[in-house]
């Protein structure tokens, strides 16, 4: 995020709490990743990390394809002008409506997660007298250490076990309208070690060859997953795309040379957006409790559930900054607990974080918040609703999602007078 952002101006214009995304950084970061990695590897943006249309517009214009997992995400990327040949659809529990929408749109591939789903895709394509390309999501036998969430080597609801795919043999080529054309494997997420990414990719490419040989599928495409991480916490080191490319590119080059007709896909979400976002809040009150400083802000974990540290044994803070003013030179840094407006002790955005003295009205930002923000949080807890979302691009600000109003929050509820009648029986 640029050091020249007018945080006070953004707060005055759009209010708080607000998510702010640096569109210039998003585009530059994608360009840097694409430039570093082998030209045969296509980057598909995982909308689950941040499904905001403004964020996707920036990334799509910069060359990202789309990986979607819901009807709304599919509609969004199609409305944004994405070529259906640049869309893949993932998810372990696709509805009939989602499968039919994929076939109707003619997307590049549905990533299939079970043999039963493969039959349903075939049925939907047969009803339309078309062929639908399918990539099998394989649950690998291997589990590689180094990711914050390992997706392989265990019983999972995702994909089809490697052994089951290999045992299926030529039956996978026997569908009349579902064209099994390759595989997708996702071994882990939040990976910051380049060696782990390279090992994962080597395993997936070898597995693709073994499955093609055992089943006869053509390997039109291989999706190596992704899992590139973002460094949130103290002591973590950013994953360096240039360093990654040193060992990954030769591996991809050998595979591309051996399979010149195979499309190579990498999914990326968190890596593309996390560092480009800031959750902007305004301090409402400051207080002390049993010797500790508290700042109670207008934003909280209902918009930023990741700040709670779910899944971590030890609470670790996202980077926090005072954004509305420069601290006076004489001020001494103390530690602060940053809390939100929710009626739960879990609504603590940061604990014992070093900050200048905070005052009511100060703007504070939770940095590196561009991924898994409001869409991955309980935004309707206490009926607060969605925050505003803003994209900065080439010196201008754009409101890309307006803040929920009371009518937005309450208007979808239905009233039935009979529900409020007193039961006078007896």
Protein backbone atom coordinates (compact mmCIF):
# COMPACT_ATOMS: atom_id res chain seq x y z
CA UNK A 1 0.00 0.00 0.00
CA UNK A 2 1.36 3.40 -1.00
CA UNK A 3 2.68 5.69 1.74
CA UNK A 4 0.90 8.62 0.04
CA UNK A 5 -2.66 7.45 0.66
CA UNK A 6 -4.95 10.17 2.04
CA UNK A 7 -6.52 8.09 4.79
CA UNK A 8 -8.33 11.03 6.34
CA UNK A 9 -9.82 11.92 2.97
CA UNK A 10 -10.99 8.35 2.39
CA UNK A 11 -12.60 8.22 5.85
CA UNK A 12 -14.29 11.59 5.30
CA UNK A 13 -15.61 10.52 1.89
CA UNK A 14 -16.64 6.94 2.50
CA UNK A 15 -16.86 6.65 6.28
CA UNK A 16 -15.48 3.85 8.44
CA UNK A 17 -15.02 0.96 8.76
CA UNK A 18 -13.90 0.55 5.16
CA UNK A 19 -11.71 -1.90 3.27
CA UNK A 20 -9.24 -0.11 1.00
CA UNK A 21 -7.49 -1.97 -1.84
CA UNK A 22 -4.50 -0.59 -3.71
CA UNK A 23 -5.29 -1.36 -7.35
CA UNK A 24 -1.87 -0.25 -8.57
CA UNK A 25 -0.20 -2.71 -6.20
CA UNK A 26 -2.58 -5.50 -7.24
CA UNK A 27 -1.77 -5.05 -10.92
CA UNK A 28 1.98 -4.66 -10.35
CA UNK A 29 2.09 -7.74 -8.10
CA UNK A 30 0.36 -9.88 -10.71
CA UNK A 31 2.66 -8.58 -13.46
CA UNK A 32 5.70 -9.40 -11.31
CA UNK A 33 4.49 -12.96 -10.68
CA UNK A 34 3.68 -13.57 -14.35
CA UNK A 35 7.01 -12.12 -15.45
CA UNK A 36 8.97 -14.32 -13.05
CA UNK A 37 7.26 -17.63 -13.78
CA UNK A 38 7.47 -19.77 -16.92
CA UNK A 39 5.40 -18.31 -19.78
CA UNK A 40 3.47 -21.56 -20.18
CA UNK A 41 2.01 -21.21 -16.66
CA UNK A 42 -1.29 -19.31 -16.60
CA UNK A 43 -2.41 -17.54 -13.41
CA UNK A 44 -6.05 -18.08 -12.44
CA UNK A 45 -7.26 -15.73 -9.71
CA UNK A 46 -9.12 -17.55 -6.91
CA UNK A 47 -12.10 -15.32 -6.27
CA UNK A 48 -12.77 -17.00 -2.92
CA UNK A 49 -9.92 -14.92 -1.48
CA UNK A 50 -11.63 -11.65 -2.40
CA UNK A 51 -14.72 -11.72 -4.63
CA UNK A 52 -15.07 -7.95 -4.92
CA UNK A 53 -15.84 -6.94 -8.51
CA UNK A 54 -13.49 -3.95 -8.40
CA UNK A 55 -10.59 -6.10 -7.26
CA UNK A 56 -11.32 -8.63 -10.00
CA UNK A 57 -11.61 -5.93 -12.66
CA UNK A 58 -8.08 -4.77 -11.85
CA UNK A 59 -6.63 -8.28 -11.86
CA UNK A 60 -8.52 -9.35 -14.98
CA UNK A 61 -7.29 -6.28 -16.85
CA UNK A 62 -3.76 -7.20 -15.72
CA UNK A 63 -4.07 -10.67 -17.26
CA UNK A 64 -5.54 -12.96 -14.60
CA UNK A 65 -7.90 -15.76 -15.54
CA UNK A 66 -10.68 -16.81 -13.12
CA UNK A 67 -11.15 -19.69 -10.70
CA UNK A 68 -14.66 -19.58 -9.24
CA UNK A 69 -16.64 -21.69 -6.77
CA UNK A 70 -20.22 -20.38 -6.80
CA UNK A 71 -22.95 -19.13 -9.13
CA UNK A 72 -22.37 -15.57 -7.96
CA UNK A 73 -18.64 -15.76 -8.69
CA UNK A 74 -19.35 -17.30 -12.10
CA UNK A 75 -21.83 -14.52 -12.93
CA UNK A 76 -19.37 -11.87 -11.72
CA UNK A 77 -16.49 -12.98 -13.95
CA UNK A 78 -18.74 -13.46 -16.98
CA UNK A 79 -20.26 -10.00 -16.46
CA UNK A 80 -16.69 -8.64 -16.24
CA UNK A 81 -16.06 -9.90 -19.78
CA UNK A 82 -13.97 -12.95 -18.94
CA UNK A 83 -13.59 -15.38 -21.83
CA UNK A 84 -15.31 -18.65 -20.78
CA UNK A 85 -12.14 -20.42 -21.96
CA UNK A 86 -10.38 -18.70 -19.06
CA UNK A 87 -12.74 -19.91 -16.30
CA UNK A 88 -12.58 -23.04 -14.14
CA UNK A 89 -15.16 -23.95 -11.48
CA UNK A 90 -14.18 -25.75 -8.26
CA UNK A 91 -16.04 -26.98 -5.19
CA UNK A 92 -16.82 -30.28 -3.46
CA UNK A 93 -20.62 -29.89 -3.38
CA UNK A 94 -21.72 -28.35 -6.66
CA UNK A 95 -25.48 -28.04 -7.11
CA UNK A 96 -27.28 -29.13 -10.27
CA UNK A 97 -27.87 -25.45 -11.01
CA UNK A 98 -24.15 -24.69 -10.77
CA UNK A 99 -23.18 -27.59 -13.03
CA UNK A 100 -25.80 -26.58 -15.59
CA UNK A 101 -24.64 -22.95 -15.48
CA UNK A 102 -21.05 -24.04 -16.17
CA UNK A 103 -22.14 -26.13 -19.15
CA UNK A 104 -24.42 -23.38 -20.48
CA UNK A 105 -21.61 -20.82 -20.25
CA UNK A 106 -19.15 -23.16 -21.96
CA UNK A 107 -16.43 -22.60 -19.37
CA UNK A 108 -13.02 -24.14 -19.92
CA UNK A 109 -13.33 -26.81 -17.25
CA UNK A 110 -15.38 -28.02 -14.34
CA UNK A 111 -13.06 -29.39 -11.67
CA UNK A 112 -14.81 -32.62 -10.67
CA UNK A 113 -14.54 -33.85 -7.08
CA UNK A 114 -16.27 -37.27 -7.18
CA UNK A 115 -17.23 -39.99 -9.60
CA UNK A 116 -20.92 -39.25 -8.93
CA UNK A 117 -20.35 -35.62 -9.85
CA UNK A 118 -18.67 -36.74 -13.07
CA UNK A 119 -21.88 -38.58 -13.99
CA UNK A 120 -23.96 -35.48 -13.25
CA UNK A 121 -21.72 -33.33 -15.45
CA UNK A 122 -22.07 -35.90 -18.21
CA UNK A 123 -25.88 -35.84 -17.84
CA UNK A 124 -26.04 -32.03 -17.97
CA UNK A 125 -23.85 -31.92 -21.08
CA UNK A 126 -25.83 -34.73 -22.73
CA UNK A 127 -29.10 -32.83 -22.17
CA UNK A 128 -27.58 -29.91 -24.10
CA UNK A 129 -25.88 -32.11 -26.69
CA UNK A 130 -22.46 -30.62 -25.95
CA UNK A 131 -19.20 -31.87 -24.50
CA UNK A 132 -17.95 -30.39 -21.25
CA UNK A 133 -14.26 -30.51 -20.36
CA UNK A 134 -13.55 -31.87 -16.88
CA UNK A 135 -10.45 -31.84 -14.71
CA UNK A 136 -10.41 -34.43 -11.96
CA UNK A 137 -9.47 -33.07 -8.57
CA UNK A 138 -7.17 -35.68 -7.11
CA UNK A 139 -6.72 -36.12 -3.38
CA UNK A 140 -3.03 -37.09 -3.40
CA UNK A 141 -1.49 -39.84 -1.33
CA UNK A 142 1.37 -37.47 -0.51
CA UNK A 143 1.38 -34.84 2.20
CA UNK A 144 4.18 -32.29 1.96
CA UNK A 145 5.14 -30.31 5.05
CA UNK A 146 5.48 -26.56 4.81
CA UNK A 147 1.93 -25.30 4.24
CA UNK A 148 -0.21 -23.72 6.97
CA UNK A 149 -3.10 -25.97 5.90
CA UNK A 150 -2.23 -29.30 4.31
CA UNK A 151 -4.79 -30.53 1.78
CA UNK A 152 -3.30 -33.88 0.74
CA UNK A 153 -2.41 -37.21 2.29
CA UNK A 154 -5.53 -37.38 4.51
CA UNK A 155 -9.18 -38.32 4.14
CA UNK A 156 -10.83 -35.24 2.63
CA UNK A 157 -14.16 -34.13 1.22
CA UNK A 158 -12.15 -32.66 -1.65
CA UNK A 159 -11.42 -34.62 -4.80
CA UNK A 160 -11.02 -38.30 -5.56
CA UNK A 161 -8.29 -40.33 -3.88
CA UNK A 162 -5.23 -40.85 -6.03
CA UNK A 163 -5.53 -44.64 -5.73
CA UNK A 164 -9.17 -44.53 -6.84
CA UNK A 165 -8.33 -42.47 -9.93
CA UNK A 166 -5.52 -44.80 -10.92
CA UNK A 167 -7.76 -47.83 -10.35
CA UNK A 168 -10.54 -46.37 -12.53
CA UNK A 169 -8.41 -46.99 -15.61
CA UNK A 170 -10.00 -46.59 -19.04
CA UNK A 171 -13.47 -46.06 -17.56
CA UNK A 172 -12.62 -42.35 -17.28
CA UNK A 173 -12.57 -42.02 -21.08
CA UNK A 174 -15.93 -43.71 -21.55
CA UNK A 175 -18.23 -40.75 -20.95
CA UNK A 176 -20.04 -39.47 -24.01
CA UNK A 177 -20.34 -35.82 -23.00
CA UNK A 178 -17.97 -35.28 -20.04
CA UNK A 179 -14.45 -35.09 -21.44
CA UNK A 180 -11.98 -35.94 -18.71
CA UNK A 181 -9.04 -33.93 -19.96
CA UNK A 182 -6.63 -33.56 -17.06
CA UNK A 183 -6.21 -33.20 -13.32
CA UNK A 184 -6.16 -30.60 -10.59
CA UNK A 185 -4.29 -31.08 -7.30
CA UNK A 186 -4.16 -28.71 -4.34
CA UNK A 187 -1.62 -29.79 -1.74
CA UNK A 188 -1.71 -26.89 0.72
CA UNK A 189 -2.15 -23.21 1.39
CA UNK A 190 -0.25 -20.24 2.87
CA UNK A 191 3.05 -21.67 1.67
CA UNK A 192 6.01 -19.33 2.17
CA UNK A 193 8.80 -21.80 1.37
CA UNK A 194 9.71 -21.90 -2.33
CA UNK A 195 11.12 -25.40 -1.95
CA UNK A 196 7.70 -26.66 -0.85
CA UNK A 197 6.02 -25.13 -3.92
CA UNK A 198 8.58 -26.78 -6.18
CA UNK A 199 8.16 -30.18 -4.47
CA UNK A 200 4.38 -29.89 -4.71
CA UNK A 201 4.57 -29.06 -8.41
CA UNK A 202 7.01 -31.88 -9.16
CA UNK A 203 4.65 -34.34 -7.48
CA UNK A 204 1.59 -33.04 -9.38
CA UNK A 205 3.32 -33.19 -12.77
CA UNK A 206 4.57 -36.71 -12.12
CA UNK A 207 1.10 -37.73 -10.93
CA UNK A 208 -0.44 -36.28 -14.08
CA UNK A 209 1.80 -38.48 -16.23
CA UNK A 210 1.02 -41.56 -14.14
CA UNK A 211 -2.74 -40.94 -14.32
CA UNK A 212 -2.64 -40.29 -18.07
CA UNK A 213 -0.76 -43.54 -18.62
CA UNK A 214 -3.13 -45.55 -16.39
CA UNK A 215 -6.38 -44.08 -17.68
CA UNK A 216 -5.74 -42.87 -21.22
CA UNK A 217 -6.97 -39.32 -20.56
CA UNK A 218 -5.30 -36.81 -22.90
CA UNK A 219 -3.79 -34.29 -20.40
CA UNK A 220 -5.24 -31.29 -22.17
CA UNK A 221 -4.68 -29.37 -18.93
CA UNK A 222 -2.92 -29.77 -15.59
CA UNK A 223 -3.85 -27.50 -12.70
CA UNK A 224 -1.01 -27.54 -10.15
CA UNK A 225 -3.08 -25.75 -7.52
CA UNK A 226 -1.20 -22.98 -5.83
CA UNK A 227 -1.14 -22.13 -2.17
CA UNK A 228 1.35 -19.26 -2.45
CA UNK A 229 1.29 -17.54 0.91
CA UNK A 230 1.48 -14.03 2.31
CA UNK A 231 3.64 -13.11 5.29
CA UNK A 232 1.31 -11.72 7.94
CA UNK A 233 3.21 -12.15 11.16
CA UNK A 234 6.50 -11.20 12.72
CA UNK A 235 9.26 -13.62 11.77
CA UNK A 236 7.63 -14.67 8.48
CA UNK A 237 9.45 -13.98 5.21
CA UNK A 238 7.67 -13.11 1.98
CA UNK A 239 7.67 -15.72 -0.74
CA UNK A 240 9.97 -14.36 -3.48
CA UNK A 241 8.63 -15.00 -7.00
CA UNK A 242 12.07 -14.64 -8.60
CA UNK A 243 13.58 -17.09 -6.11
CA UNK A 244 10.67 -19.46 -6.73
CA UNK A 245 11.20 -19.28 -10.48
CA UNK A 246 14.82 -20.47 -10.28
CA UNK A 247 13.77 -24.05 -9.53
CA UNK A 248 10.16 -24.04 -10.67
CA UNK A 249 10.70 -22.78 -14.23
CA UNK A 250 13.08 -25.57 -15.31
CA UNK A 251 10.59 -28.10 -13.98
CA UNK A 252 7.75 -26.50 -15.93
CA UNK A 253 9.90 -26.16 -19.02
CA UNK A 254 10.65 -29.88 -19.10
CA UNK A 255 6.98 -30.76 -18.70
CA UNK A 256 5.83 -28.21 -21.30
CA UNK A 257 8.41 -29.52 -23.77
CA UNK A 258 7.18 -33.08 -23.25
CA UNK A 259 3.51 -32.01 -23.42
CA UNK A 260 3.36 -29.07 -25.86
CA UNK A 261 -0.44 -29.20 -26.08
CA UNK A 262 -1.08 -29.17 -22.34
CA UNK A 263 -2.42 -26.05 -20.64
CA UNK A 264 -0.66 -25.40 -17.32
CA UNK A 265 -2.68 -23.63 -14.64
CA UNK A 266 -1.72 -22.15 -11.28
CA UNK A 267 -4.37 -20.85 -8.89
CA UNK A 268 -3.57 -17.86 -6.72
CA UNK A 269 -5.71 -15.81 -4.38
CA UNK A 270 -4.11 -14.76 -1.12
CA UNK A 271 -0.72 -14.08 -2.74
CA UNK A 272 -2.32 -11.77 -5.31
CA UNK A 273 -4.40 -9.66 -2.93
CA UNK A 274 -3.43 -9.94 0.75
CA UNK A 275 -0.74 -7.27 0.91
CA UNK A 276 -2.81 -4.86 -1.18
CA UNK A 277 -5.60 -4.32 1.35
CA UNK A 278 -6.10 -2.30 4.52
CA UNK A 279 -9.05 -2.48 6.91
CA UNK A 280 -9.61 1.13 8.03
CA UNK A 281 -11.28 1.77 11.40
CA UNK A 282 -11.87 4.80 13.59
CA UNK A 283 -11.26 4.75 17.34
CA UNK A 284 -14.42 5.56 19.28
CA UNK A 285 -13.22 5.24 22.86
CA UNK A 286 -10.01 4.65 24.77
CA UNK A 287 -9.82 3.24 28.29
CA UNK A 288 -7.70 1.32 30.75
CA UNK A 289 -8.62 -1.96 32.38
CA UNK A 290 -6.42 -3.52 35.05
CA UNK A 291 -3.39 -1.68 33.77
CA UNK A 292 -3.90 -2.40 30.05
CA UNK A 293 -4.78 0.11 27.32
CA UNK A 294 -7.86 -0.50 25.17
CA UNK A 295 -8.98 1.29 22.04
CA UNK A 296 -12.56 0.45 21.04
CA UNK A 297 -13.06 1.00 17.31
CA UNK A 298 -16.05 1.08 14.98
CA UNK A 299 -14.76 -1.99 13.11
CA UNK A 300 -13.99 -5.44 14.37
CA UNK A 301 -13.81 -9.13 13.77
CA UNK A 302 -17.28 -9.27 12.18
CA UNK A 303 -15.50 -7.76 9.15
CA UNK A 304 -12.07 -9.32 9.73
CA UNK A 305 -12.46 -12.79 11.21
CA UNK A 306 -8.89 -13.65 10.27
CA UNK A 307 -7.71 -11.21 12.93
CA UNK A 308 -9.11 -13.51 15.64
CA UNK A 309 -6.40 -16.01 14.81
CA UNK A 310 -8.72 -18.95 14.16
CA UNK A 311 -6.68 -22.12 13.82
CA UNK A 312 -3.66 -20.71 15.66
CA UNK A 313 -2.58 -21.92 19.07
CA UNK A 314 -1.14 -18.49 19.86
CA UNK A 315 -2.86 -15.20 19.00
CA UNK A 316 -0.68 -13.29 16.53
CA UNK A 317 -1.46 -9.79 15.35
CA UNK A 318 -1.79 -8.63 11.79
CA UNK A 319 0.33 -5.50 11.25
CA UNK A 320 -1.49 -2.49 12.75
CA UNK A 321 -0.75 1.17 12.06
CA UNK A 322 -1.94 4.61 13.16
CA UNK A 323 -2.90 6.26 9.85
CA UNK A 324 -4.64 9.55 10.58
CA UNK A 325 -1.70 11.46 12.03
CA UNK A 326 2.00 11.27 12.73
CA UNK A 327 2.78 10.67 16.39
CA UNK A 328 4.40 13.56 18.21
CA UNK A 329 8.14 13.05 18.72
CA UNK A 330 7.75 13.15 22.50
CA UNK A 331 5.24 10.32 22.55
CA UNK A 332 6.36 7.01 23.94
CA UNK A 333 5.11 3.82 22.37
CA UNK A 334 2.98 1.66 24.61
CA UNK A 335 0.94 -1.45 23.96
CA UNK A 336 -2.72 -1.44 23.05
CA UNK A 337 -5.54 -3.92 22.73
CA UNK A 338 -7.69 -3.03 19.72
CA UNK A 339 -11.30 -4.10 20.21
CA UNK A 340 -14.44 -3.74 18.13
CA UNK A 341 -18.09 -2.96 18.92
CA UNK A 342 -19.32 -6.55 19.33
CA UNK A 343 -20.67 -7.98 22.57
CA UNK A 344 -18.07 -10.75 22.78
CA UNK A 345 -14.55 -10.88 24.21
CA UNK A 346 -13.49 -12.54 20.94
CA UNK A 347 -13.93 -9.20 19.17
CA UNK A 348 -10.28 -8.32 19.64
CA UNK A 349 -8.54 -7.29 16.44
CA UNK A 350 -5.10 -7.03 18.08
CA UNK A 351 -3.63 -7.72 21.50
CA UNK A 352 -0.73 -5.89 23.15
CA UNK A 353 0.32 -4.23 19.90
CA UNK A 354 2.92 -1.44 20.08
CA UNK A 355 1.34 1.86 18.98
CA UNK A 356 1.58 5.54 19.83
CA UNK A 357 -0.96 6.87 22.30
CA UNK A 358 -4.36 6.48 20.69
CA UNK A 359 -7.19 9.01 20.96
CA UNK A 360 -10.87 8.97 20.05
CA UNK A 361 -11.18 9.87 16.38
CA UNK A 362 -7.85 8.33 15.33
CA UNK A 363 -7.79 6.17 12.22
CA UNK A 364 -6.06 2.83 12.56
CA UNK A 365 -5.50 0.28 9.84
CA UNK A 366 -5.17 -3.48 9.86
CA UNK A 367 -2.61 -3.96 7.10
CA UNK A 368 -2.20 -6.91 4.71
CA UNK A 369 -5.96 -7.40 4.75
CA UNK A 370 -6.73 -7.82 1.04
CA UNK A 371 -7.64 -11.52 1.26
CA UNK A 372 -10.32 -13.37 3.24
CA UNK A 373 -11.75 -10.19 4.71
CA UNK A 374 -15.47 -9.34 4.88
CA UNK A 375 -16.64 -12.18 2.63
CA UNK A 376 -15.01 -14.68 5.02
CA UNK A 377 -16.37 -13.01 8.17
CA UNK A 378 -19.70 -12.95 10.07
CA UNK A 379 -20.63 -9.49 8.78
CA UNK A 380 -24.23 -9.70 10.05
CA UNK A 381 -23.33 -10.48 13.65
CA UNK A 382 -25.21 -7.91 15.78
CA UNK A 383 -26.73 -6.81 12.44
CA UNK A 384 -23.86 -4.48 11.60
CA UNK A 385 -23.68 -5.49 7.93
CA UNK A 386 -21.02 -5.18 5.24
CA UNK A 387 -18.41 -2.39 5.36
CA UNK A 388 -17.70 -0.16 2.40
CA UNK A 389 -14.96 -1.27 -0.01
CA UNK A 390 -12.81 1.14 -2.00
CA UNK A 391 -10.18 0.64 -4.71
CA UNK A 392 -7.34 3.12 -5.24
CA UNK A 393 -6.21 3.28 -8.86
CA UNK A 394 -3.90 5.76 -10.56
CA UNK A 395 -4.42 8.42 -7.90
CA UNK A 396 -8.21 8.12 -7.72
CA UNK A 397 -10.57 6.36 -5.32
CA UNK A 398 -13.49 4.22 -6.44
CA UNK A 399 -16.31 2.93 -4.24
CA UNK A 400 -16.58 -0.72 -5.31
CA UNK A 401 -19.07 -1.81 -2.66
CA UNK A 402 -21.29 0.54 -0.71
CA UNK A 403 -21.80 0.09 3.00
CA UNK A 404 -24.91 -1.84 4.03
CA UNK A 405 -27.77 0.39 5.15
CA UNK A 406 -30.39 -0.54 7.73
CA UNK A 407 -32.77 -1.22 4.84
CA UNK A 408 -30.23 -3.64 3.34
CA UNK A 409 -29.90 -5.49 6.63
CA UNK A 410 -33.57 -5.55 7.66
CA UNK A 411 -35.29 -5.41 4.28
CA UNK A 412 -34.86 -9.10 3.50
CA UNK A 413 -36.75 -10.15 6.61
CA UNK A 414 -40.48 -10.86 6.36
CA UNK A 415 -43.11 -9.86 8.91
CA UNK A 416 -46.18 -11.98 9.61
CA UNK A 417 -48.72 -10.35 11.97
CA UNK A 418 -50.01 -13.71 13.19
CA UNK A 419 -46.57 -14.48 14.65
CA UNK A 420 -47.00 -11.69 17.18
CA UNK A 421 -50.50 -12.61 18.37
CA UNK A 422 -50.86 -13.68 21.96
CA UNK A 423 -52.03 -17.24 22.50
CA UNK A 424 -54.93 -16.80 24.96
CA UNK A 425 -55.90 -20.43 25.27
CA UNK A 426 -56.62 -21.56 28.81
